[in-house]
Structure formats: structure tokens, C-alpha cells
Amino acid sequence: MELKDKLEILIKRNGYKKTDFASAVSITYRALANYISGARTPRAKTISDMAVLLGVSEELLTEIRDLLKEKNQ
């Protein structure tokens, strides 16, 4: 699952409105919309802030664990 899909699910699951979530991580609604559409990729600091707010690890959002598994096979 891609970052954009995970964001959409986790934002809803945590009960945030997209505008409120964007504000809470100090980004514009437009920036969040670009991340969710897949048009842009968030910076590392933004990913970290989103992960904290959503109660998940940065790795879960960015799929680092999945990439490491593929690399080791």
C-alpha cells in the first residue's frame, strides 16, 4: 500500500478532517491534497510529524520495512 492510501485511511480512522490534520502538522490543505493524490511526496520532517499525530511509525507510512524485505531476498 502506498503512502497516499495509508494517509487517507489513517486520517479517517483517527477522526480528523483533512483541513484540521493539515493544520496540526503545519502544512497547507493543498500540500496534504497533493500527498494524498500522489502528486508530491512529503519531506522527512512532515512524515515524522504525520506519523506522531497518527500514532504510527514513520516506517509504516513510508514502507521502509517492505523495501528492506525485498532488498534482502
PDB file of N, CA and C in Angstrom:
ATOM      1  N   MET A   1       0.845  -1.176   0.000  1.00  0.00           N
ATOM      2  CA  MET A   1       0.000   0.000   0.000  1.00  0.00           C
ATOM      3  C   MET A   1       0.891   1.240   0.000  1.00  0.00           C
ATOM      4  N   GLU A   2       0.520   2.208  -0.793  1.00  0.00           N
ATOM      5  CA  GLU A   2       1.320   3.423  -0.932  1.00  0.00           C
ATOM      6  C   GLU A   2       1.018   4.438   0.166  1.00  0.00           C
ATOM      7  N   LEU A   3       1.938   5.370   0.344  1.00  0.00           N
ATOM      8  CA  LEU A   3       1.790   6.417   1.345  1.00  0.00           C
ATOM      9  C   LEU A   3       0.452   7.128   1.196  1.00  0.00           C
ATOM     10  N   LYS A   4       0.085   7.470  -0.027  1.00  0.00           N
ATOM     11  CA  LYS A   4      -1.157   8.220  -0.236  1.00  0.00           C
ATOM     12  C   LYS A   4      -2.370   7.448   0.277  1.00  0.00           C
ATOM     13  N   ASP A   5      -2.387   6.149   0.076  1.00  0.00           N
ATOM     14  CA  ASP A   5      -3.507   5.328   0.548  1.00  0.00           C
ATOM     15  C   ASP A   5      -3.509   5.234   2.070  1.00  0.00           C
ATOM     16  N   LYS A   6      -2.326   5.064   2.640  1.00  0.00           N
ATOM     17  CA  LYS A   6      -2.215   4.972   4.095  1.00  0.00           C
ATOM     18  C   LYS A   6      -2.663   6.266   4.761  1.00  0.00           C
ATOM     19  N   LEU A   7      -2.255   7.396   4.191  1.00  0.00           N
ATOM     20  CA  LEU A   7      -2.669   8.678   4.760  1.00  0.00           C
ATOM     21  C   LEU A   7      -4.179   8.815   4.770  1.00  0.00           C
ATOM     22  N   GLU A   8      -4.791   8.517   3.650  1.00  0.00           N
ATOM     23  CA  GLU A   8      -6.251   8.632   3.530  1.00  0.00           C
ATOM     24  C   GLU A   8      -6.940   7.790   4.605  1.00  0.00           C
ATOM     25  N   ILE A   9      -6.526   6.554   4.751  1.00  0.00           N
ATOM     26  CA  ILE A   9      -7.130   5.640   5.724  1.00  0.00           C
ATOM     27  C   ILE A   9      -6.882   6.100   7.154  1.00  0.00           C
ATOM     28  N   LEU A  10      -5.625   6.423   7.467  1.00  0.00           N
ATOM     29  CA  LEU A  10      -5.276   6.778   8.845  1.00  0.00           C
ATOM     30  C   LEU A  10      -5.888   8.101   9.287  1.00  0.00           C
ATOM     31  N   ILE A  11      -5.999   9.042   8.386  1.00  0.00           N
ATOM     32  CA  ILE A  11      -6.623  10.323   8.725  1.00  0.00           C
ATOM     33  C   ILE A  11      -8.090  10.085   9.087  1.00  0.00           C
ATOM     34  N   LYS A  12      -8.773   9.298   8.274  1.00  0.00           N
ATOM     35  CA  LYS A  12     -10.180   8.984   8.561  1.00  0.00           C
ATOM     36  C   LYS A  12     -10.311   8.172   9.842  1.00  0.00           C
ATOM     37  N   ARG A  13      -9.481   7.155   9.996  1.00  0.00           N
ATOM     38  CA  ARG A  13      -9.548   6.273  11.160  1.00  0.00           C
ATOM     39  C   ARG A  13      -9.334   7.040  12.469  1.00  0.00           C
ATOM     40  N   ASN A  14      -8.513   8.080  12.412  1.00  0.00           N
ATOM     41  CA  ASN A  14      -8.241   8.875  13.610  1.00  0.00           C
ATOM     42  C   ASN A  14      -9.245  10.019  13.793  1.00  0.00           C
ATOM     43  N   GLY A  15     -10.224  10.096  12.913  1.00  0.00           N
ATOM     44  CA  GLY A  15     -11.301  11.066  13.067  1.00  0.00           C
ATOM     45  C   GLY A  15     -10.972  12.497  12.703  1.00  0.00           C
ATOM     46  N   TYR A  16      -9.927  12.698  11.913  1.00  0.00           N
ATOM     47  CA  TYR A  16      -9.550  14.047  11.511  1.00  0.00           C
ATOM     48  C   TYR A  16     -10.276  14.472  10.243  1.00  0.00           C
ATOM     49  N   LYS A  17     -10.600  15.747  10.173  1.00  0.00           N
ATOM     50  CA  LYS A  17     -10.949  16.359   8.892  1.00  0.00           C
ATOM     51  C   LYS A  17      -9.609  16.676   8.243  1.00  0.00           C
ATOM     52  N   LYS A  18      -9.544  16.591   6.943  1.00  0.00           N
ATOM     53  CA  LYS A  18      -8.259  16.833   6.261  1.00  0.00           C
ATOM     54  C   LYS A  18      -7.709  18.216   6.562  1.00  0.00           C
ATOM     55  N   THR A  19      -8.577  19.215   6.619  1.00  0.00           N
ATOM     56  CA  THR A  19      -8.103  20.577   6.911  1.00  0.00           C
ATOM     57  C   THR A  19      -7.504  20.662   8.313  1.00  0.00           C
ATOM     58  N   ASP A  20      -8.148  19.997   9.278  1.00  0.00           N
ATOM     59  CA  ASP A  20      -7.635  20.008  10.650  1.00  0.00           C
ATOM     60  C   ASP A  20      -6.317  19.243  10.766  1.00  0.00           C
ATOM     61  N   PHE A  21      -6.226  18.118  10.067  1.00  0.00           N
ATOM     62  CA  PHE A  21      -4.997  17.332  10.091  1.00  0.00           C
ATOM     63  C   PHE A  21      -3.842  18.134   9.490  1.00  0.00           C
ATOM     64  N   ALA A  22      -4.091  18.760   8.357  1.00  0.00           N
ATOM     65  CA  ALA A  22      -3.054  19.563   7.706  1.00  0.00           C
ATOM     66  C   ALA A  22      -2.565  20.661   8.648  1.00  0.00           C
ATOM     67  N   SER A  23      -3.489  21.336   9.277  1.00  0.00           N
ATOM     68  CA  SER A  23      -3.130  22.394  10.213  1.00  0.00           C
ATOM     69  C   SER A  23      -2.314  21.853  11.392  1.00  0.00           C
ATOM     70  N   ALA A  24      -2.689  20.688  11.887  1.00  0.00           N
ATOM     71  CA  ALA A  24      -1.997  20.091  13.033  1.00  0.00           C
ATOM     72  C   ALA A  24      -0.551  19.715  12.717  1.00  0.00           C
ATOM     73  N   VAL A  25      -0.251  19.412  11.453  1.00  0.00           N
ATOM     74  CA  VAL A  25       1.132  19.082  11.080  1.00  0.00           C
ATOM     75  C   VAL A  25       1.820  20.248  10.364  1.00  0.00           C
ATOM     76  N   SER A  26       1.202  21.429  10.457  1.00  0.00           N
ATOM     77  CA  SER A  26       1.796  22.674   9.931  1.00  0.00           C
ATOM     78  C   SER A  26       2.050  22.649   8.434  1.00  0.00           C
ATOM     79  N   ILE A  27       1.080  22.107   7.687  1.00  0.00           N
ATOM     80  CA  ILE A  27       1.143  22.153   6.226  1.00  0.00           C
ATOM     81  C   ILE A  27      -0.181  22.717   5.727  1.00  0.00           C
ATOM     82  N   THR A  28      -0.211  23.124   4.485  1.00  0.00           N
ATOM     83  CA  THR A  28      -1.457  23.625   3.920  1.00  0.00           C
ATOM     84  C   THR A  28      -2.349  22.456   3.512  1.00  0.00           C
ATOM     85  N   TYR A  29      -3.629  22.734   3.403  1.00  0.00           N
ATOM     86  CA  TYR A  29      -4.549  21.711   2.920  1.00  0.00           C
ATOM     87  C   TYR A  29      -4.126  21.264   1.520  1.00  0.00           C
ATOM     88  N   ARG A  30      -3.676  22.216   0.695  1.00  0.00           N
ATOM     89  CA  ARG A  30      -3.253  21.903  -0.674  1.00  0.00           C
ATOM     90  C   ARG A  30      -2.075  20.932  -0.674  1.00  0.00           C
ATOM     91  N   ALA A  31      -1.125  21.130   0.239  1.00  0.00           N
ATOM     92  CA  ALA A  31       0.018  20.210   0.339  1.00  0.00           C
ATOM     93  C   ALA A  31      -0.470  18.811   0.690  1.00  0.00           C
ATOM     94  N   LEU A  32      -1.381  18.715   1.670  1.00  0.00           N
ATOM     95  CA  LEU A  32      -1.917  17.414   2.046  1.00  0.00           C
ATOM     96  C   LEU A  32      -2.648  16.770   0.870  1.00  0.00           C
ATOM     97  N   ALA A  33      -3.423  17.547   0.161  1.00  0.00           N
ATOM     98  CA  ALA A  33      -4.144  17.025  -1.005  1.00  0.00           C
ATOM     99  C   ALA A  33      -3.162  16.484  -2.047  1.00  0.00           C
ATOM    100  N   ASN A  34      -2.043  17.158  -2.216  1.00  0.00           N
ATOM    101  CA  ASN A  34      -1.016  16.684  -3.155  1.00  0.00           C
ATOM    102  C   ASN A  34      -0.394  15.373  -2.683  1.00  0.00           C
ATOM    103  N   TYR A  35      -0.193  15.208  -1.375  1.00  0.00           N
ATOM    104  CA  TYR A  35       0.355  13.954  -0.846  1.00  0.00           C
ATOM    105  C   TYR A  35      -0.646  12.815  -1.035  1.00  0.00           C
ATOM    106  N   ILE A  36      -1.913  13.100  -0.763  1.00  0.00           N
ATOM    107  CA  ILE A  36      -2.947  12.067  -0.876  1.00  0.00           C
ATOM    108  C   ILE A  36      -3.195  11.682  -2.328  1.00  0.00           C
ATOM    109  N   SER A  37      -3.042  12.623  -3.238  1.00  0.00           N
ATOM    110  CA  SER A  37      -3.241  12.306  -4.658  1.00  0.00           C
ATOM    111  C   SER A  37      -2.015  11.626  -5.265  1.00  0.00           C
ATOM    112  N   GLY A  38      -0.890  11.698  -4.562  1.00  0.00           N
ATOM    113  CA  GLY A  38       0.339  11.113  -5.078  1.00  0.00           C
ATOM    114  C   GLY A  38       1.133  12.059  -5.961  1.00  0.00           C
ATOM    115  N   ALA A  39       0.673  13.308  -6.057  1.00  0.00           N
ATOM    116  CA  ALA A  39       1.357  14.290  -6.901  1.00  0.00           C
ATOM    117  C   ALA A  39       2.686  14.740  -6.309  1.00  0.00           C
ATOM    118  N   ARG A  40       2.789  14.713  -4.980  1.00  0.00           N
ATOM    119  CA  ARG A  40       4.013  15.129  -4.297  1.00  0.00           C
ATOM    120  C   ARG A  40       4.314  14.175  -3.162  1.00  0.00           C
ATOM    121  N   THR A  41       5.557  14.199  -2.726  1.00  0.00           N
ATOM    122  CA  THR A  41       5.993  13.380  -1.591  1.00  0.00           C
ATOM    123  C   THR A  41       6.391  14.310  -0.456  1.00  0.00           C
ATOM    124  N   PRO A  42       5.909  14.038   0.751  1.00  0.00           N
ATOM    125  CA  PRO A  42       6.260  14.915   1.876  1.00  0.00           C
ATOM    126  C   PRO A  42       7.728  14.803   2.270  1.00  0.00           C
ATOM    127  N   ARG A  43       8.235  15.867   2.854  1.00  0.00           N
ATOM    128  CA  ARG A  43       9.596  15.874   3.390  1.00  0.00           C
ATOM    129  C   ARG A  43       9.654  14.967   4.610  1.00  0.00           C
ATOM    130  N   ALA A  44      10.860  14.593   4.986  1.00  0.00           N
ATOM    131  CA  ALA A  44      11.061  13.687   6.125  1.00  0.00           C
ATOM    132  C   ALA A  44      10.453  14.254   7.408  1.00  0.00           C
ATOM    133  N   LYS A  45      10.612  15.537   7.661  1.00  0.00           N
ATOM    134  CA  LYS A  45      10.064  16.172   8.869  1.00  0.00           C
ATOM    135  C   LYS A  45       8.541  16.082   8.866  1.00  0.00           C
ATOM    136  N   THR A  46       7.925  16.286   7.718  1.00  0.00           N
ATOM    137  CA  THR A  46       6.471  16.215   7.614  1.00  0.00           C
ATOM    138  C   THR A  46       5.992  14.786   7.845  1.00  0.00           C
ATOM    139  N   ILE A  47       6.706  13.814   7.290  1.00  0.00           N
ATOM    140  CA  ILE A  47       6.354  12.410   7.518  1.00  0.00           C
ATOM    141  C   ILE A  47       6.447  12.087   9.005  1.00  0.00           C
ATOM    142  N   SER A  48       7.489  12.565   9.648  1.00  0.00           N
ATOM    143  CA  SER A  48       7.663  12.344  11.083  1.00  0.00           C
ATOM    144  C   SER A  48       6.510  12.954  11.875  1.00  0.00           C
ATOM    145  N   ASP A  49       6.152  14.181  11.553  1.00  0.00           N
ATOM    146  CA  ASP A  49       5.047  14.855  12.245  1.00  0.00           C
ATOM    147  C   ASP A  49       3.726  14.125  12.016  1.00  0.00           C
ATOM    148  N   MET A  50       3.492  13.679  10.797  1.00  0.00           N
ATOM    149  CA  MET A  50       2.257  12.954  10.495  1.00  0.00           C
ATOM    150  C   MET A  50       2.208  11.633  11.257  1.00  0.00           C
ATOM    151  N   ALA A  51       3.316  10.933  11.302  1.00  0.00           N
ATOM    152  CA  ALA A  51       3.364   9.645  11.997  1.00  0.00           C
ATOM    153  C   ALA A  51       3.038   9.810  13.478  1.00  0.00           C
ATOM    154  N   VAL A  52       3.615  10.826  14.102  1.00  0.00           N
ATOM    155  CA  VAL A  52       3.358  11.078  15.522  1.00  0.00           C
ATOM    156  C   VAL A  52       1.872  11.360  15.740  1.00  0.00           C
ATOM    157  N   LEU A  53       1.310  12.219  14.931  1.00  0.00           N
ATOM    158  CA  LEU A  53      -0.094  12.589  15.083  1.00  0.00           C
ATOM    159  C   LEU A  53      -1.028  11.407  14.828  1.00  0.00           C
ATOM    160  N   LEU A  54      -0.646  10.536  13.903  1.00  0.00           N
ATOM    161  CA  LEU A  54      -1.487   9.382  13.568  1.00  0.00           C
ATOM    162  C   LEU A  54      -1.222   8.174  14.465  1.00  0.00           C
ATOM    163  N   GLY A  55      -0.189   8.255  15.292  1.00  0.00           N
ATOM    164  CA  GLY A  55       0.118   7.166  16.218  1.00  0.00           C
ATOM    165  C   GLY A  55       0.709   5.942  15.548  1.00  0.00           C
ATOM    166  N   VAL A  56       1.471   6.166  14.480  1.00  0.00           N
ATOM    167  CA  VAL A  56       2.127   5.066  13.770  1.00  0.00           C
ATOM    168  C   VAL A  56       3.599   5.403  13.582  1.00  0.00           C
ATOM    169  N   SER A  57       4.369   4.432  13.145  1.00  0.00           N
ATOM    170  CA  SER A  57       5.784   4.678  12.892  1.00  0.00           C
ATOM    171  C   SER A  57       5.975   5.320  11.516  1.00  0.00           C
ATOM    172  N   GLU A  58       7.079   6.014  11.377  1.00  0.00           N
ATOM    173  CA  GLU A  58       7.431   6.575  10.075  1.00  0.00           C
ATOM    174  C   GLU A  58       7.596   5.450   9.058  1.00  0.00           C
ATOM    175  N   GLU A  59       8.151   4.331   9.505  1.00  0.00           N
ATOM    176  CA  GLU A  59       8.375   3.190   8.614  1.00  0.00           C
ATOM    177  C   GLU A  59       7.061   2.668   8.048  1.00  0.00           C
ATOM    178  N   LEU A  60       6.016   2.653   8.884  1.00  0.00           N
ATOM    179  CA  LEU A  60       4.726   2.194   8.392  1.00  0.00           C
ATOM    180  C   LEU A  60       4.236   3.095   7.264  1.00  0.00           C
ATOM    181  N   LEU A  61       4.425   4.385   7.424  1.00  0.00           N
ATOM    182  CA  LEU A  61       3.980   5.323   6.387  1.00  0.00           C
ATOM    183  C   LEU A  61       4.807   5.207   5.112  1.00  0.00           C
ATOM    184  N   THR A  62       6.099   5.026   5.271  1.00  0.00           N
ATOM    185  CA  THR A  62       6.979   5.069   4.098  1.00  0.00           C
ATOM    186  C   THR A  62       7.327   3.710   3.520  1.00  0.00           C
ATOM    187  N   GLU A  63       6.885   2.644   4.158  1.00  0.00           N
ATOM    188  CA  GLU A  63       7.113   1.279   3.685  1.00  0.00           C
ATOM    189  C   GLU A  63       8.573   0.869   3.687  1.00  0.00           C
ATOM    190  N   ILE A  64       9.378   1.454   4.570  1.00  0.00           N
ATOM    191  CA  ILE A  64      10.797   1.112   4.619  1.00  0.00           C
ATOM    192  C   ILE A  64      10.981  -0.375   4.913  1.00  0.00           C
ATOM    193  N   ARG A  65      10.166  -0.896   5.809  1.00  0.00           N
ATOM    194  CA  ARG A  65      10.294  -2.320   6.141  1.00  0.00           C
ATOM    195  C   ARG A  65      10.041  -3.194   4.923  1.00  0.00           C
ATOM    196  N   ASP A  66       9.034  -2.858   4.119  1.00  0.00           N
ATOM    197  CA  ASP A  66       8.747  -3.635   2.921  1.00  0.00           C
ATOM    198  C   ASP A  66       9.921  -3.579   1.944  1.00  0.00           C
ATOM    199  N   LEU A  67      10.538  -2.408   1.805  1.00  0.00           N
ATOM    200  CA  LEU A  67      11.664  -2.272   0.894  1.00  0.00           C
ATOM    201  C   LEU A  67      12.859  -3.088   1.368  1.00  0.00           C
ATOM    202  N   LEU A  68      13.087  -3.105   2.683  1.00  0.00           N
ATOM    203  CA  LEU A  68      14.202  -3.888   3.221  1.00  0.00           C
ATOM    204  C   LEU A  68      13.982  -5.382   2.988  1.00  0.00           C
ATOM    205  N   LYS A  69      12.766  -5.843   3.127  1.00  0.00           N
ATOM    206  CA  LYS A  69      12.459  -7.256   2.876  1.00  0.00           C
ATOM    207  C   LYS A  69      12.780  -7.608   1.434  1.00  0.00           C
ATOM    208  N   GLU A  70      12.346  -6.755   0.511  1.00  0.00           N
ATOM    209  CA  GLU A  70      12.592  -7.025  -0.915  1.00  0.00           C
ATOM    210  C   GLU A  70      14.083  -7.015  -1.216  1.00  0.00           C
ATOM    211  N   LYS A  71      14.821  -6.097  -0.604  1.00  0.00           N
ATOM    212  CA  LYS A  71      16.252  -5.978  -0.854  1.00  0.00           C
ATOM    213  C   LYS A  71      17.012  -7.208  -0.369  1.00  0.00           C
ATOM    214  N   ASN A  72      16.575  -7.795   0.741  1.00  0.00           N
ATOM    215  CA  ASN A  72      17.255  -8.955   1.321  1.00  0.00           C
ATOM    216  C   ASN A  72      16.894 -10.271   0.652  1.00  0.00           C
ATOM    217  N   GLN A  73      15.923 -10.287  -0.215  1.00  0.00           N
ATOM    218  CA  GLN A  73      15.535 -11.546  -0.868  1.00  0.00           C
ATOM    219  C   GLN A  73      16.402 -11.856  -2.062  1.00  0.00           C
TER     220      GLN A  73
END
